[in-house]
Protein backbone atom coordinates (compact mmCIF):
# COMPACT_ATOMS: atom_id res chain seq x y z
CA UNK A 1 19.84 -31.52 -20.21
CA UNK A 2 21.01 -34.92 -21.12
CA UNK A 3 25.78 -39.04 -20.85
CA UNK A 4 34.12 -43.69 -21.92
CA UNK A 5 38.06 -44.72 -21.93
CA UNK A 6 40.36 -46.17 -24.48
CA UNK A 7 39.99 -49.14 -26.81
CA UNK A 8 37.74 -50.22 -29.65
CA UNK A 9 34.34 -51.25 -28.39
CA UNK A 10 31.39 -52.39 -30.50
CA UNK A 11 28.27 -50.39 -29.76
CA UNK A 12 24.80 -51.50 -30.76
CA UNK A 13 23.34 -48.53 -32.55
CA UNK A 14 19.93 -49.04 -34.15
CA UNK A 15 20.62 -52.74 -34.65
CA UNK A 16 24.02 -52.21 -36.30
CA UNK A 17 27.40 -52.74 -34.69
CA UNK A 18 29.62 -49.68 -35.05
CA UNK A 19 33.31 -50.32 -34.37
CA UNK A 20 34.41 -46.92 -33.23
CA UNK A 21 34.55 -44.55 -30.32
CA UNK A 22 36.13 -45.03 -26.99
CA UNK A 23 33.81 -46.61 -24.46
CA UNK A 24 34.41 -48.22 -21.13
CA UNK A 25 32.04 -48.15 -18.20
CA UNK A 26 33.24 -49.09 -14.77
CA UNK A 27 30.53 -51.41 -13.50
CA UNK A 28 29.64 -51.65 -9.84
CA UNK A 29 26.93 -53.63 -8.12
CA UNK A 30 23.75 -51.60 -7.93
CA UNK A 31 22.21 -51.08 -4.53
CA UNK A 32 18.50 -51.54 -3.95
CA UNK A 33 17.50 -48.16 -2.56
CA UNK A 34 13.83 -48.83 -1.85
CA UNK A 35 13.16 -47.40 1.59
CA UNK A 36 16.75 -46.13 2.01
CA UNK A 37 17.69 -42.47 1.54
CA UNK A 38 21.16 -41.59 0.24
CA UNK A 39 23.11 -38.83 1.95
CA UNK A 40 24.20 -37.11 -1.27
CA UNK A 41 24.12 -37.97 -4.94
CA UNK A 42 26.49 -36.47 -7.53
CA UNK A 43 25.39 -33.00 -8.69
CA UNK A 44 26.14 -31.06 -11.88
CA UNK A 45 27.95 -28.37 -9.87
CA UNK A 46 30.39 -31.03 -8.59
CA UNK A 47 31.64 -31.68 -12.16
CA UNK A 48 32.13 -28.30 -13.86
CA UNK A 49 33.98 -28.00 -17.17
CA UNK A 50 36.80 -25.48 -17.66
CA UNK A 51 35.21 -23.85 -20.69
CA UNK A 52 32.24 -24.04 -23.04
CA UNK A 53 33.11 -24.06 -26.75
CA UNK A 54 31.56 -21.06 -28.49
CA UNK A 55 33.74 -21.00 -31.61
CA UNK A 56 33.14 -22.48 -35.02
CA UNK A 57 31.67 -25.96 -35.21
CA UNK A 58 33.69 -28.77 -36.74
CA UNK A 59 31.63 -31.62 -38.16
CA UNK A 60 32.77 -35.28 -38.31
CA UNK A 61 34.87 -36.61 -41.20
CA UNK A 62 32.61 -39.42 -42.39
CA UNK A 63 35.11 -40.40 -45.08
CA UNK A 64 37.94 -40.75 -42.55
CA UNK A 65 38.11 -41.38 -38.82
CA UNK A 66 34.37 -41.22 -38.27
CA UNK A 67 33.36 -43.43 -41.21
CA UNK A 68 31.72 -45.98 -38.89
CA UNK A 69 29.11 -43.33 -38.06
CA UNK A 70 28.31 -42.47 -41.69
CA UNK A 71 24.82 -44.00 -41.40
CA UNK A 72 24.01 -41.38 -38.76
CA UNK A 73 25.56 -38.38 -40.55
CA UNK A 74 22.32 -36.39 -40.91
CA UNK A 75 21.40 -36.83 -37.24
CA UNK A 76 24.94 -35.98 -36.14
CA UNK A 77 25.35 -32.96 -38.42
CA UNK A 78 21.93 -31.52 -37.57
CA UNK A 79 22.53 -31.98 -33.85
CA UNK A 80 26.09 -30.70 -33.79
CA UNK A 81 25.14 -27.56 -35.73
CA UNK A 82 23.13 -26.56 -32.64
CA UNK A 83 26.35 -26.32 -30.62
CA UNK A 84 27.56 -27.87 -27.39
CA UNK A 85 24.96 -29.04 -24.89
CA UNK A 86 27.12 -31.35 -22.74
CA UNK A 87 30.57 -31.22 -21.12
CA UNK A 88 31.49 -27.92 -22.75
CA UNK A 89 32.10 -29.19 -26.27
CA UNK A 90 29.80 -32.13 -27.03
CA UNK A 91 26.34 -32.34 -28.52
CA UNK A 92 24.26 -35.33 -27.41
CA UNK A 93 22.31 -37.01 -30.22
CA UNK A 94 19.68 -39.50 -29.04
CA UNK A 95 17.51 -41.31 -31.57
CA UNK A 96 15.01 -44.15 -31.60
CA UNK A 97 15.77 -47.72 -32.65
CA UNK A 98 12.35 -49.27 -31.98
CA UNK A 99 9.67 -49.27 -29.30
CA UNK A 100 11.28 -48.23 -26.00
CA UNK A 101 14.70 -48.36 -27.65
CA UNK A 102 17.07 -45.47 -28.25
CA UNK A 103 20.75 -45.03 -29.01
CA UNK A 104 23.05 -42.15 -28.17
CA UNK A 105 26.09 -40.65 -29.88
CA UNK A 106 28.09 -37.63 -28.76
CA UNK A 107 29.63 -35.29 -31.31
CA UNK A 108 32.52 -33.05 -30.25
CA UNK A 109 31.70 -29.68 -31.83
CA UNK A 110 35.30 -28.48 -31.39
CA UNK A 111 37.16 -31.48 -32.90
CA UNK A 112 34.44 -33.25 -34.92
CA UNK A 113 35.11 -36.58 -33.15
CA UNK A 114 32.13 -38.88 -32.50
CA UNK A 115 31.91 -40.94 -29.30
CA UNK A 116 29.51 -43.75 -28.38
CA UNK A 117 27.51 -43.51 -25.17
CA UNK A 118 27.79 -46.66 -23.00
CA UNK A 119 24.04 -47.14 -22.54
CA UNK A 120 21.22 -47.59 -25.01
CA UNK A 121 19.97 -49.99 -27.63
CA UNK A 122 17.95 -53.05 -26.74
CA UNK A 123 20.08 -53.74 -23.65
CA UNK A 124 19.04 -50.53 -21.87
CA UNK A 125 15.40 -49.84 -22.69
CA UNK A 126 13.47 -46.63 -21.93
CA UNK A 127 16.72 -44.65 -21.76
CA UNK A 128 16.34 -41.11 -20.42
CA UNK A 129 19.24 -38.69 -20.04
CA UNK A 130 19.83 -35.57 -17.99
CA UNK A 131 22.86 -33.37 -18.64
CA UNK A 132 24.09 -29.78 -18.82
CA UNK A 133 26.34 -27.83 -21.15
CA UNK A 134 28.66 -26.67 -18.36
CA UNK A 135 29.09 -30.02 -16.57
CA UNK A 136 30.71 -33.38 -17.34
CA UNK A 137 28.09 -35.25 -15.27
CA UNK A 138 25.59 -37.36 -17.23
CA UNK A 139 22.63 -38.97 -15.49
CA UNK A 140 21.07 -41.95 -17.27
CA UNK A 141 17.88 -43.81 -16.40
CA UNK A 142 17.27 -47.17 -18.06
CA UNK A 143 15.45 -50.47 -17.65
CA UNK A 144 17.21 -53.82 -17.48
CA UNK A 145 15.22 -56.77 -18.75
CA UNK A 146 17.79 -59.14 -17.19
CA UNK A 147 16.55 -58.41 -13.68
CA UNK A 148 13.33 -56.51 -14.58
CA UNK A 149 14.59 -53.35 -12.80
CA UNK A 150 14.92 -49.62 -13.43
CA UNK A 151 18.25 -47.93 -12.69
CA UNK A 152 19.54 -44.39 -12.39
CA UNK A 153 23.25 -44.16 -13.15
CA UNK A 154 25.56 -41.17 -12.61
CA UNK A 155 28.54 -40.98 -14.99
CA UNK A 156 31.41 -38.52 -15.31
CA UNK A 157 32.89 -37.90 -18.78
CA UNK A 158 36.48 -36.69 -18.48
CA UNK A 159 39.30 -36.80 -21.05
CA UNK A 160 37.30 -39.10 -23.33
CA UNK A 161 36.60 -41.63 -20.56
CA UNK A 162 33.37 -42.45 -18.73
CA UNK A 163 33.56 -43.21 -15.02
CA UNK A 164 30.59 -44.53 -13.11
CA UNK A 165 30.04 -42.50 -9.95
CA UNK A 166 26.91 -44.23 -8.70
CA UNK A 167 24.24 -46.64 -9.93
CA UNK A 168 20.98 -47.10 -8.05
CA UNK A 169 18.05 -49.42 -8.53
CA UNK A 170 14.92 -47.28 -8.24
CA UNK A 171 12.30 -50.00 -8.64
CA UNK A 172 10.80 -52.42 -11.12
CA UNK A 173 11.35 -51.74 -14.85
CA UNK A 174 8.01 -49.89 -15.05
CA UNK A 175 9.54 -47.22 -12.80
CA UNK A 176 11.49 -46.10 -15.87
CA UNK A 177 8.26 -44.70 -17.31
CA UNK A 178 8.53 -42.00 -14.60
CA UNK A 179 10.35 -38.77 -15.35
CA UNK A 180 14.02 -39.08 -14.44
CA UNK A 181 13.72 -36.24 -11.88
CA UNK A 182 10.98 -38.14 -10.03
CA UNK A 183 13.17 -41.24 -9.73
CA UNK A 184 16.21 -39.19 -8.68
CA UNK A 185 14.03 -37.57 -6.01
CA UNK A 186 13.04 -41.00 -4.71
CA UNK A 187 16.68 -41.86 -3.94
CA UNK A 188 17.74 -38.54 -2.38
C-alpha cells in the first residue's frame, strides 16, 4: 500500500537536486473539510490497471538514462527486486532524509525507468503513502509548513503522468501524525 507528465523537473531528494524523471502535478486549491463530509472520494477500484507485471525484473541503467539516480542505486535495486507494488509495474521506494522528512522514487520493474514522486522532501513533511499493486491511485498525506496544515491528496498515475484527483485539508499539521486511514475516514 503506498504515489507525473512530461518535462525535466528538479526533485529534492535527500537534499540533492536530481534532474530526471517526468513530474507534473496539477495543483488545485485545497478545501477545508473540517465539519463537512464529502460524498465520495476516489477509490482504488476506480483506477484499475490492465495488468500486473509478473515477468523478469529490469533494473535501472545507472550509467545511462538513470544516472541521476545513481546515489540511490542500492535502495532502488533492493526495492525493485521485490517486484511491482504500485500501478502494475512500479515499485515505490520511500526513504528518510531527516527528521519528519522522506523522499520517494518509483522504479518501473518492467522497463527499469525511474520516476520521481511529486511530494516529499522538506517541502512535504511527515509524508505517508497508501497504494496498491493493481491500481494507479496513490494517496499521499503530508504536512505543509507554509500554512501549518495537513493534507490528504489523491493522485492518478497514468502513462507516466500524475493527475491530481482531489486534495483535502484534514486539519493542522499535527494531524499528519495520525494514520492516513484515520484522516481519510475523517473526510468521508
